[in-house]
């Protein structure tokens, strides 16, 4: 099983690409705090994240540099060969995304209400989380 759940802080604004069929792709670099770090070592790991379709649209609309999000997804190898040189990379393909934290702490949630975007539309509730489940994008 290839499944990850991460709390991510965006290192830069998401980059959005739109294809001819109207579908979107969003990519960004994000930091994940380590649970334990030895003195003198980095306290975060950095990964490249990718999302497609409505999930990408949701991220592009609501998240920016410094925003925090809770994601679920899978780890993908992004290996390729160019000019005879093999390149290796890893990226996280996002399936679902939720706002995480308070707005003043870099999160995106509004006090008392939460916006949830899904394949059936937008809902508001008092659960403290907003999410988008992108399983219906393709």
Protein backbone atom coordinates (compact mmCIF):
# COMPACT_ATOMS: atom_id res chain seq x y z
CA UNK A 1 0.00 0.00 0.00
CA UNK A 2 1.36 3.42 -0.99
CA UNK A 3 -0.35 6.01 1.24
CA UNK A 4 0.94 9.16 2.95
CA UNK A 5 -0.66 11.66 5.30
CA UNK A 6 1.33 14.85 5.83
CA UNK A 7 1.02 18.28 7.37
CA UNK A 8 2.73 20.55 4.84
CA UNK A 9 3.85 24.20 4.85
CA UNK A 10 4.12 25.66 1.35
CA UNK A 11 7.60 27.03 0.58
CA UNK A 12 6.35 29.13 -2.36
CA UNK A 13 3.10 29.96 -4.10
CA UNK A 14 1.71 27.01 -6.07
CA UNK A 15 2.46 26.94 -9.81
CA UNK A 16 -0.62 26.26 -11.96
CA UNK A 17 -0.70 24.86 -15.48
CA UNK A 18 -3.92 24.45 -17.48
CA UNK A 19 -4.16 21.96 -20.32
CA UNK A 20 -6.13 22.26 -23.55
CA UNK A 21 -8.99 20.17 -22.15
CA UNK A 22 -9.40 22.63 -19.24
CA UNK A 23 -7.88 20.33 -16.60
CA UNK A 24 -5.36 21.84 -14.23
CA UNK A 25 -2.10 20.75 -12.67
CA UNK A 26 -0.63 22.44 -9.61
CA UNK A 27 2.86 21.85 -8.23
CA UNK A 28 4.76 23.30 -5.29
CA UNK A 29 7.52 22.57 -2.83
CA UNK A 30 6.56 22.04 0.78
CA UNK A 31 8.19 21.43 4.14
CA UNK A 32 7.21 18.69 6.58
CA UNK A 33 8.48 19.09 10.13
CA UNK A 34 10.39 16.15 11.53
CA UNK A 35 9.16 14.61 14.76
CA UNK A 36 12.70 14.38 16.10
CA UNK A 37 15.82 16.16 14.97
CA UNK A 38 19.35 15.91 16.27
CA UNK A 39 21.08 19.14 17.15
CA UNK A 40 22.60 20.75 14.10
CA UNK A 41 20.44 18.79 11.65
CA UNK A 42 17.55 20.19 9.63
CA UNK A 43 14.18 20.11 11.40
CA UNK A 44 12.15 19.62 8.22
CA UNK A 45 12.12 17.51 5.08
CA UNK A 46 11.23 19.06 1.72
CA UNK A 47 9.21 17.40 -1.02
CA UNK A 48 7.69 18.31 -4.37
CA UNK A 49 3.87 18.01 -4.44
CA UNK A 50 1.56 17.63 -7.45
CA UNK A 51 -2.24 17.66 -7.81
CA UNK A 52 -4.58 17.50 -10.79
CA UNK A 53 -8.08 18.64 -11.74
CA UNK A 54 -10.39 20.07 -9.11
CA UNK A 55 -7.88 19.34 -6.35
CA UNK A 56 -5.36 21.53 -8.21
CA UNK A 57 -7.95 24.29 -8.64
CA UNK A 58 -8.77 24.18 -4.90
CA UNK A 59 -5.09 24.45 -3.93
CA UNK A 60 -4.42 27.28 -6.40
CA UNK A 61 -7.41 29.26 -5.11
CA UNK A 62 -6.92 28.92 -1.35
CA UNK A 63 -3.22 28.31 -0.64
CA UNK A 64 -0.10 30.46 -0.93
CA UNK A 65 3.46 30.60 0.41
CA UNK A 66 3.41 29.92 4.16
CA UNK A 67 -0.04 28.24 4.11
CA UNK A 68 -0.42 24.99 5.98
CA UNK A 69 -2.36 22.03 4.69
CA UNK A 70 -3.10 18.45 5.61
CA UNK A 71 -2.81 16.16 2.60
CA UNK A 72 -3.30 12.53 1.79
CA UNK A 73 -1.72 11.04 -1.28
CA UNK A 74 0.91 8.66 -2.57
CA UNK A 75 4.64 8.75 -3.19
CA UNK A 76 5.67 8.55 -6.84
CA UNK A 77 9.08 8.18 -8.44
CA UNK A 78 9.72 10.82 -11.05
CA UNK A 79 12.66 9.18 -12.81
CA UNK A 80 13.67 10.03 -16.35
CA UNK A 81 16.63 10.01 -18.70
CA UNK A 82 17.81 13.13 -20.52
CA UNK A 83 20.84 13.35 -22.78
CA UNK A 84 21.96 9.92 -21.59
CA UNK A 85 21.90 10.95 -17.92
CA UNK A 86 19.48 9.25 -15.55
CA UNK A 87 17.65 11.65 -13.19
CA UNK A 88 15.90 10.48 -10.03
CA UNK A 89 13.20 12.29 -8.15
CA UNK A 90 10.34 11.73 -5.77
CA UNK A 91 7.05 13.60 -5.63
CA UNK A 92 3.87 13.36 -3.62
CA UNK A 93 0.67 13.03 -5.68
CA UNK A 94 -2.11 14.66 -3.65
CA UNK A 95 -5.52 12.96 -3.47
CA UNK A 96 -7.15 15.08 -0.75
CA UNK A 97 -6.27 18.37 0.90
CA UNK A 98 -7.56 20.16 4.01
CA UNK A 99 -6.82 23.52 5.57
CA UNK A 100 -4.65 23.15 8.65
CA UNK A 101 -4.03 25.58 11.49
CA UNK A 102 -5.25 29.06 12.23
CA UNK A 103 -5.06 31.80 9.63
CA UNK A 104 -2.68 33.91 11.74
CA UNK A 105 -0.35 30.87 11.97
CA UNK A 106 -0.20 30.46 8.18
CA UNK A 107 -3.29 28.24 7.95
CA UNK A 108 -6.39 29.15 5.99
CA UNK A 109 -9.37 28.43 8.22
CA UNK A 110 -11.87 31.13 9.02
CA UNK A 111 -13.03 31.45 12.61
CA UNK A 112 -16.09 29.29 13.26
CA UNK A 113 -16.76 28.20 9.68
CA UNK A 114 -14.99 26.04 7.18
CA UNK A 115 -15.38 25.83 3.43
CA UNK A 116 -15.31 22.40 1.86
CA UNK A 117 -15.08 22.01 -1.89
CA UNK A 118 -16.02 18.67 -3.33
CA UNK A 119 -17.18 17.17 -6.58
CA UNK A 120 -20.76 17.98 -5.60
CA UNK A 121 -20.14 21.65 -4.77
CA UNK A 122 -19.13 23.80 -1.85
CA UNK A 123 -20.32 23.21 1.72
CA UNK A 124 -19.79 25.07 4.97
CA UNK A 125 -19.61 23.39 8.37
CA UNK A 126 -18.23 23.95 11.89
CA UNK A 127 -15.85 20.96 11.98
CA UNK A 128 -12.68 23.08 11.91
CA UNK A 129 -11.42 21.53 8.66
CA UNK A 130 -11.94 22.29 5.00
CA UNK A 131 -11.13 19.69 2.43
CA UNK A 132 -11.32 18.63 -1.16
CA UNK A 133 -11.44 14.99 -2.17
CA UNK A 134 -10.13 14.75 -5.72
CA UNK A 135 -10.90 11.12 -6.46
CA UNK A 136 -13.58 12.11 -9.00
CA UNK A 137 -11.27 14.35 -11.06
CA UNK A 138 -10.45 11.79 -13.75
